Amino acid sequence: MIAPKTNQSEDSIERVIIKLPKSLATYFRNAFAHGKRSEFIAKCILAHKHQLEIKEMEEKLRAVVKKRQK
């Protein structure tokens, strides 16, 4: 799954600190090269955001269907 690209020319880069257990942080550093870590986290966050948007739309559609059935 490829996450849609954000407007990189408009978005500035911001440093974020993520607290992880030491063993997980070590794995993360070994599994993803420097520079690729940020891409991975960004893709995960965008995928999560997309899933939430879909879930909200589905709930709105269910509400509309229930209103029409009454």
PDB file of N, CA and C in Angstrom:
ATOM      1  N   MET A   1       0.847  -1.171   0.000  1.00  0.00           N
ATOM      2  CA  MET A   1       0.000   0.000   0.000  1.00  0.00           C
ATOM      3  C   MET A   1       0.893   1.235   0.000  1.00  0.00           C
ATOM      4  N   ILE A   2       0.638   2.119  -0.923  1.00  0.00           N
ATOM      5  CA  ILE A   2       1.405   3.347  -1.026  1.00  0.00           C
ATOM      6  C   ILE A   2       0.539   4.493  -0.537  1.00  0.00           C
ATOM      7  N   ALA A   3       1.060   5.226   0.410  1.00  0.00           N
ATOM      8  CA  ALA A   3       0.327   6.369   0.959  1.00  0.00           C
ATOM      9  C   ALA A   3       0.432   7.536  -0.015  1.00  0.00           C
ATOM     10  N   PRO A   4      -0.618   8.317  -0.116  1.00  0.00           N
ATOM     11  CA  PRO A   4      -0.553   9.468  -1.015  1.00  0.00           C
ATOM     12  C   PRO A   4       0.479  10.469  -0.528  1.00  0.00           C
ATOM     13  N   LYS A   5       1.153  11.087  -1.484  1.00  0.00           N
ATOM     14  CA  LYS A   5       2.171  12.065  -1.102  1.00  0.00           C
ATOM     15  C   LYS A   5       1.514  13.343  -0.644  1.00  0.00           C
ATOM     16  N   THR A   6       2.097  13.938   0.365  1.00  0.00           N
ATOM     17  CA  THR A   6       1.601  15.225   0.843  1.00  0.00           C
ATOM     18  C   THR A   6       2.272  16.313   0.014  1.00  0.00           C
ATOM     19  N   ASN A   7       1.772  17.505   0.113  1.00  0.00           N
ATOM     20  CA  ASN A   7       2.384  18.623  -0.593  1.00  0.00           C
ATOM     21  C   ASN A   7       3.693  18.966   0.094  1.00  0.00           C
ATOM     22  N   GLN A   8       4.749  18.310  -0.344  1.00  0.00           N
ATOM     23  CA  GLN A   8       6.033  18.458   0.314  1.00  0.00           C
ATOM     24  C   GLN A   8       6.583  19.873   0.169  1.00  0.00           C
ATOM     25  N   SER A   9       6.229  20.547  -0.931  1.00  0.00           N
ATOM     26  CA  SER A   9       6.727  21.903  -1.102  1.00  0.00           C
ATOM     27  C   SER A   9       6.045  22.860  -0.124  1.00  0.00           C
ATOM     28  N   GLU A  10       4.802  22.534   0.273  1.00  0.00           N
ATOM     29  CA  GLU A  10       4.058  23.386   1.195  1.00  0.00           C
ATOM     30  C   GLU A  10       4.261  22.970   2.650  1.00  0.00           C
ATOM     31  N   ASP A  11       4.439  21.668   2.879  1.00  0.00           N
ATOM     32  CA  ASP A  11       4.623  21.172   4.246  1.00  0.00           C
ATOM     33  C   ASP A  11       6.078  21.327   4.664  1.00  0.00           C
ATOM     34  N   SER A  12       6.270  21.930   5.822  1.00  0.00           N
ATOM     35  CA  SER A  12       7.619  21.998   6.357  1.00  0.00           C
ATOM     36  C   SER A  12       7.857  20.737   7.183  1.00  0.00           C
ATOM     37  N   ILE A  13       9.093  20.436   7.395  1.00  0.00           N
ATOM     38  CA  ILE A  13       9.469  19.254   8.165  1.00  0.00           C
ATOM     39  C   ILE A  13       9.572  19.652   9.627  1.00  0.00           C
ATOM     40  N   GLU A  14       9.003  18.834  10.482  1.00  0.00           N
ATOM     41  CA  GLU A  14       9.053  19.105  11.908  1.00  0.00           C
ATOM     42  C   GLU A  14       9.569  17.873  12.639  1.00  0.00           C
ATOM     43  N   ARG A  15      10.432  18.091  13.590  1.00  0.00           N
ATOM     44  CA  ARG A  15      10.998  16.997  14.376  1.00  0.00           C
ATOM     45  C   ARG A  15      10.011  16.620  15.470  1.00  0.00           C
ATOM     46  N   VAL A  16       9.789  15.301  15.632  1.00  0.00           N
ATOM     47  CA  VAL A  16       8.881  14.787  16.645  1.00  0.00           C
ATOM     48  C   VAL A  16       9.626  13.721  17.443  1.00  0.00           C
ATOM     49  N   ILE A  17       9.459  13.750  18.724  1.00  0.00           N
ATOM     50  CA  ILE A  17      10.091  12.750  19.577  1.00  0.00           C
ATOM     51  C   ILE A  17       9.059  11.676  19.901  1.00  0.00           C
ATOM     52  N   ILE A  18       9.420  10.421  19.635  1.00  0.00           N
ATOM     53  CA  ILE A  18       8.549   9.285  19.929  1.00  0.00           C
ATOM     54  C   ILE A  18       9.245   8.434  20.973  1.00  0.00           C
ATOM     55  N   LYS A  19       8.567   8.177  22.050  1.00  0.00           N
ATOM     56  CA  LYS A  19       9.144   7.354  23.110  1.00  0.00           C
ATOM     57  C   LYS A  19       8.747   5.903  22.885  1.00  0.00           C
ATOM     58  N   LEU A  20       9.747   5.034  22.764  1.00  0.00           N
ATOM     59  CA  LEU A  20       9.542   3.607  22.537  1.00  0.00           C
ATOM     60  C   LEU A  20      10.366   2.820  23.546  1.00  0.00           C
ATOM     61  N   PRO A  21       9.945   1.595  23.847  1.00  0.00           N
ATOM     62  CA  PRO A  21      10.807   0.729  24.661  1.00  0.00           C
ATOM     63  C   PRO A  21      12.147   0.530  23.945  1.00  0.00           C
ATOM     64  N   LYS A  22      13.199   0.382  24.702  1.00  0.00           N
ATOM     65  CA  LYS A  22      14.545   0.313  24.138  1.00  0.00           C
ATOM     66  C   LYS A  22      14.684  -0.791  23.100  1.00  0.00           C
ATOM     67  N   SER A  23      14.119  -1.962  23.377  1.00  0.00           N
ATOM     68  CA  SER A  23      14.248  -3.073  22.434  1.00  0.00           C
ATOM     69  C   SER A  23      13.558  -2.757  21.107  1.00  0.00           C
ATOM     70  N   LEU A  24      12.417  -2.093  21.166  1.00  0.00           N
ATOM     71  CA  LEU A  24      11.700  -1.727  19.952  1.00  0.00           C
ATOM     72  C   LEU A  24      12.442  -0.632  19.195  1.00  0.00           C
ATOM     73  N   ALA A  25      13.001   0.312  19.907  1.00  0.00           N
ATOM     74  CA  ALA A  25      13.770   1.378  19.266  1.00  0.00           C
ATOM     75  C   ALA A  25      15.001   0.811  18.569  1.00  0.00           C
ATOM     76  N   THR A  26      15.656  -0.155  19.186  1.00  0.00           N
ATOM     77  CA  THR A  26      16.827  -0.790  18.579  1.00  0.00           C
ATOM     78  C   THR A  26      16.432  -1.516  17.299  1.00  0.00           C
ATOM     79  N   TYR A  27      15.329  -2.258  17.357  1.00  0.00           N
ATOM     80  CA  TYR A  27      14.840  -2.942  16.159  1.00  0.00           C
ATOM     81  C   TYR A  27      14.517  -1.926  15.064  1.00  0.00           C
ATOM     82  N   PHE A  28      13.841  -0.856  15.424  1.00  0.00           N
ATOM     83  CA  PHE A  28      13.441   0.174  14.469  1.00  0.00           C
ATOM     84  C   PHE A  28      14.657   0.761  13.770  1.00  0.00           C
ATOM     85  N   ARG A  29      15.703   1.048  14.525  1.00  0.00           N
ATOM     86  CA  ARG A  29      16.931   1.607  13.942  1.00  0.00           C
ATOM     87  C   ARG A  29      17.606   0.609  13.013  1.00  0.00           C
ATOM     88  N   ASN A  30      17.581  -0.668  13.388  1.00  0.00           N
ATOM     89  CA  ASN A  30      18.223  -1.693  12.562  1.00  0.00           C
ATOM     90  C   ASN A  30      17.396  -2.013  11.314  1.00  0.00           C
ATOM     91  N   ALA A  31      16.086  -1.979  11.428  1.00  0.00           N
ATOM     92  CA  ALA A  31      15.218  -2.361  10.325  1.00  0.00           C
ATOM     93  C   ALA A  31      15.095  -1.263   9.267  1.00  0.00           C
ATOM     94  N   PHE A  32      15.194  -0.008   9.669  1.00  0.00           N
ATOM     95  CA  PHE A  32      15.018   1.106   8.743  1.00  0.00           C
ATOM     96  C   PHE A  32      16.246   1.995   8.759  1.00  0.00           C
ATOM     97  N   ALA A  33      16.776   2.229   7.573  1.00  0.00           N
ATOM     98  CA  ALA A  33      17.961   3.079   7.446  1.00  0.00           C
ATOM     99  C   ALA A  33      17.608   4.518   7.823  1.00  0.00           C
ATOM    100  N   HIS A  34      18.624   5.276   8.154  1.00  0.00           N
ATOM    101  CA  HIS A  34      18.433   6.684   8.482  1.00  0.00           C
ATOM    102  C   HIS A  34      17.789   7.371   7.284  1.00  0.00           C
ATOM    103  N   GLY A  35      16.738   8.133   7.521  1.00  0.00           N
ATOM    104  CA  GLY A  35      16.020   8.791   6.440  1.00  0.00           C
ATOM    105  C   GLY A  35      14.788   8.014   6.004  1.00  0.00           C
ATOM    106  N   LYS A  36      14.837   6.703   6.109  1.00  0.00           N
ATOM    107  CA  LYS A  36      13.690   5.858   5.750  1.00  0.00           C
ATOM    108  C   LYS A  36      12.725   5.730   6.923  1.00  0.00           C
ATOM    109  N   ARG A  37      13.203   5.974   8.125  1.00  0.00           N
ATOM    110  CA  ARG A  37      12.350   5.871   9.316  1.00  0.00           C
ATOM    111  C   ARG A  37      11.206   6.872   9.253  1.00  0.00           C
ATOM    112  N   SER A  38      11.532   8.106   8.896  1.00  0.00           N
ATOM    113  CA  SER A  38      10.512   9.149   8.819  1.00  0.00           C
ATOM    114  C   SER A  38       9.472   8.816   7.764  1.00  0.00           C
ATOM    115  N   GLU A  39       9.922   8.288   6.611  1.00  0.00           N
ATOM    116  CA  GLU A  39       8.993   7.895   5.552  1.00  0.00           C
ATOM    117  C   GLU A  39       8.035   6.814   6.052  1.00  0.00           C
ATOM    118  N   PHE A  40       8.571   5.832   6.763  1.00  0.00           N
ATOM    119  CA  PHE A  40       7.758   4.738   7.288  1.00  0.00           C
ATOM    120  C   PHE A  40       6.704   5.262   8.262  1.00  0.00           C
ATOM    121  N   ILE A  41       7.117   6.091   9.193  1.00  0.00           N
ATOM    122  CA  ILE A  41       6.189   6.647  10.184  1.00  0.00           C
ATOM    123  C   ILE A  41       5.128   7.502   9.489  1.00  0.00           C
ATOM    124  N   ALA A  42       5.527   8.316   8.529  1.00  0.00           N
ATOM    125  CA  ALA A  42       4.580   9.165   7.802  1.00  0.00           C
ATOM    126  C   ALA A  42       3.547   8.308   7.068  1.00  0.00           C
ATOM    127  N   LYS A  43       3.992   7.229   6.420  1.00  0.00           N
ATOM    128  CA  LYS A  43       3.062   6.336   5.714  1.00  0.00           C
ATOM    129  C   LYS A  43       2.093   5.688   6.684  1.00  0.00           C
ATOM    130  N   CYS A  44       2.576   5.268   7.845  1.00  0.00           N
ATOM    131  CA  CYS A  44       1.705   4.644   8.851  1.00  0.00           C
ATOM    132  C   CYS A  44       0.657   5.632   9.353  1.00  0.00           C
ATOM    133  N   ILE A  45       1.067   6.854   9.615  1.00  0.00           N
ATOM    134  CA  ILE A  45       0.140   7.869  10.113  1.00  0.00           C
ATOM    135  C   ILE A  45      -0.907   8.204   9.052  1.00  0.00           C
ATOM    136  N   LEU A  46      -0.480   8.345   7.797  1.00  0.00           N
ATOM    137  CA  LEU A  46      -1.426   8.643   6.719  1.00  0.00           C
ATOM    138  C   LEU A  46      -2.405   7.486   6.492  1.00  0.00           C
ATOM    139  N   ALA A  47      -1.911   6.252   6.598  1.00  0.00           N
ATOM    140  CA  ALA A  47      -2.789   5.089   6.446  1.00  0.00           C
ATOM    141  C   ALA A  47      -3.821   5.060   7.569  1.00  0.00           C
ATOM    142  N   HIS A  48      -3.381   5.355   8.780  1.00  0.00           N
ATOM    143  CA  HIS A  48      -4.288   5.392   9.925  1.00  0.00           C
ATOM    144  C   HIS A  48      -5.348   6.485   9.736  1.00  0.00           C
ATOM    145  N   LYS A  49      -4.916   7.653   9.288  1.00  0.00           N
ATOM    146  CA  LYS A  49      -5.830   8.765   9.040  1.00  0.00           C
ATOM    147  C   LYS A  49      -6.862   8.376   7.983  1.00  0.00           C
ATOM    148  N   HIS A  50      -6.407   7.722   6.934  1.00  0.00           N
ATOM    149  CA  HIS A  50      -7.296   7.290   5.857  1.00  0.00           C
ATOM    150  C   HIS A  50      -8.329   6.275   6.368  1.00  0.00           C
ATOM    151  N   GLN A  51      -7.883   5.330   7.189  1.00  0.00           N
ATOM    152  CA  GLN A  51      -8.795   4.334   7.763  1.00  0.00           C
ATOM    153  C   GLN A  51      -9.857   4.996   8.629  1.00  0.00           C
ATOM    154  N   LEU A  52      -9.476   5.987   9.410  1.00  0.00           N
ATOM    155  CA  LEU A  52     -10.444   6.699  10.250  1.00  0.00           C
ATOM    156  C   LEU A  52     -11.459   7.456   9.400  1.00  0.00           C
ATOM    157  N   GLU A  53     -10.986   8.073   8.321  1.00  0.00           N
ATOM    158  CA  GLU A  53     -11.894   8.793   7.434  1.00  0.00           C
ATOM    159  C   GLU A  53     -12.909   7.845   6.805  1.00  0.00           C
ATOM    160  N   ILE A  54     -12.459   6.667   6.397  1.00  0.00           N
ATOM    161  CA  ILE A  54     -13.358   5.664   5.813  1.00  0.00           C
ATOM    162  C   ILE A  54     -14.380   5.213   6.847  1.00  0.00           C
ATOM    163  N   LYS A  55     -13.922   4.969   8.058  1.00  0.00           N
ATOM    164  CA  LYS A  55     -14.819   4.521   9.124  1.00  0.00           C
ATOM    165  C   LYS A  55     -15.901   5.576   9.403  1.00  0.00           C
ATOM    166  N   GLU A  56     -15.509   6.851   9.434  1.00  0.00           N
ATOM    167  CA  GLU A  56     -16.476   7.938   9.660  1.00  0.00           C
ATOM    168  C   GLU A  56     -17.503   7.998   8.534  1.00  0.00           C
ATOM    169  N   MET A  57     -17.041   7.846   7.283  1.00  0.00           N
ATOM    170  CA  MET A  57     -17.967   7.870   6.145  1.00  0.00           C
ATOM    171  C   MET A  57     -18.949   6.699   6.214  1.00  0.00           C
ATOM    172  N   GLU A  58     -18.444   5.517   6.575  1.00  0.00           N
ATOM    173  CA  GLU A  58     -19.313   4.345   6.684  1.00  0.00           C
ATOM    174  C   GLU A  58     -20.390   4.558   7.745  1.00  0.00           C
ATOM    175  N   GLU A  59     -20.006   5.147   8.874  1.00  0.00           N
ATOM    176  CA  GLU A  59     -20.970   5.402   9.943  1.00  0.00           C
ATOM    177  C   GLU A  59     -22.033   6.408   9.498  1.00  0.00           C
ATOM    178  N   LYS A  60     -21.623   7.433   8.766  1.00  0.00           N
ATOM    179  CA  LYS A  60     -22.580   8.416   8.254  1.00  0.00           C
ATOM    180  C   LYS A  60     -23.537   7.768   7.259  1.00  0.00           C
ATOM    181  N   LEU A  61     -23.002   6.902   6.400  1.00  0.00           N
ATOM    182  CA  LEU A  61     -23.849   6.213   5.427  1.00  0.00           C
ATOM    183  C   LEU A  61     -24.848   5.284   6.116  1.00  0.00           C
ATOM    184  N   ARG A  62     -24.408   4.596   7.168  1.00  0.00           N
ATOM    185  CA  ARG A  62     -25.319   3.711   7.919  1.00  0.00           C
ATOM    186  C   ARG A  62     -26.457   4.531   8.533  1.00  0.00           C
ATOM    187  N   ALA A  63     -26.123   5.698   9.057  1.00  0.00           N
ATOM    188  CA  ALA A  63     -27.148   6.559   9.657  1.00  0.00           C
ATOM    189  C   ALA A  63     -28.161   6.999   8.605  1.00  0.00           C
ATOM    190  N   VAL A  64     -27.692   7.332   7.425  1.00  0.00           N
ATOM    191  CA  VAL A  64     -28.598   7.749   6.346  1.00  0.00           C
ATOM    192  C   VAL A  64     -29.496   6.585   5.924  1.00  0.00           C
ATOM    193  N   VAL A  65     -28.915   5.408   5.809  1.00  0.00           N
ATOM    194  CA  VAL A  65     -29.696   4.223   5.433  1.00  0.00           C
ATOM    195  C   VAL A  65     -30.779   3.932   6.472  1.00  0.00           C
ATOM    196  N   LYS A  66     -30.434   4.055   7.743  1.00  0.00           N
ATOM    197  CA  LYS A  66     -31.428   3.822   8.802  1.00  0.00           C
ATOM    198  C   LYS A  66     -32.565   4.830   8.715  1.00  0.00           C
ATOM    199  N   LYS A  67     -32.253   6.101   8.409  1.00  0.00           N
ATOM    200  CA  LYS A  67     -33.286   7.124   8.279  1.00  0.00           C
ATOM    201  C   LYS A  67     -34.206   6.814   7.103  1.00  0.00           C
ATOM    202  N   ARG A  68     -33.639   6.345   6.017  1.00  0.00           N
ATOM    203  CA  ARG A  68     -34.450   6.042   4.821  1.00  0.00           C
ATOM    204  C   ARG A  68     -35.349   4.823   5.035  1.00  0.00           C
ATOM    205  N   GLN A  69     -34.895   3.887   5.840  1.00  0.00           N
ATOM    206  CA  GLN A  69     -35.674   2.677   6.066  1.00  0.00           C
ATOM    207  C   GLN A  69     -36.878   2.926   6.952  1.00  0.00           C
ATOM    208  N   LYS A  70     -36.872   3.982   7.725  1.00  0.00           N
ATOM    209  CA  LYS A  70     -37.975   4.279   8.654  1.00  0.00           C
ATOM    210  C   LYS A  70     -39.157   4.845   7.962  1.00  0.00           C
TER     211      LYS A  70
END
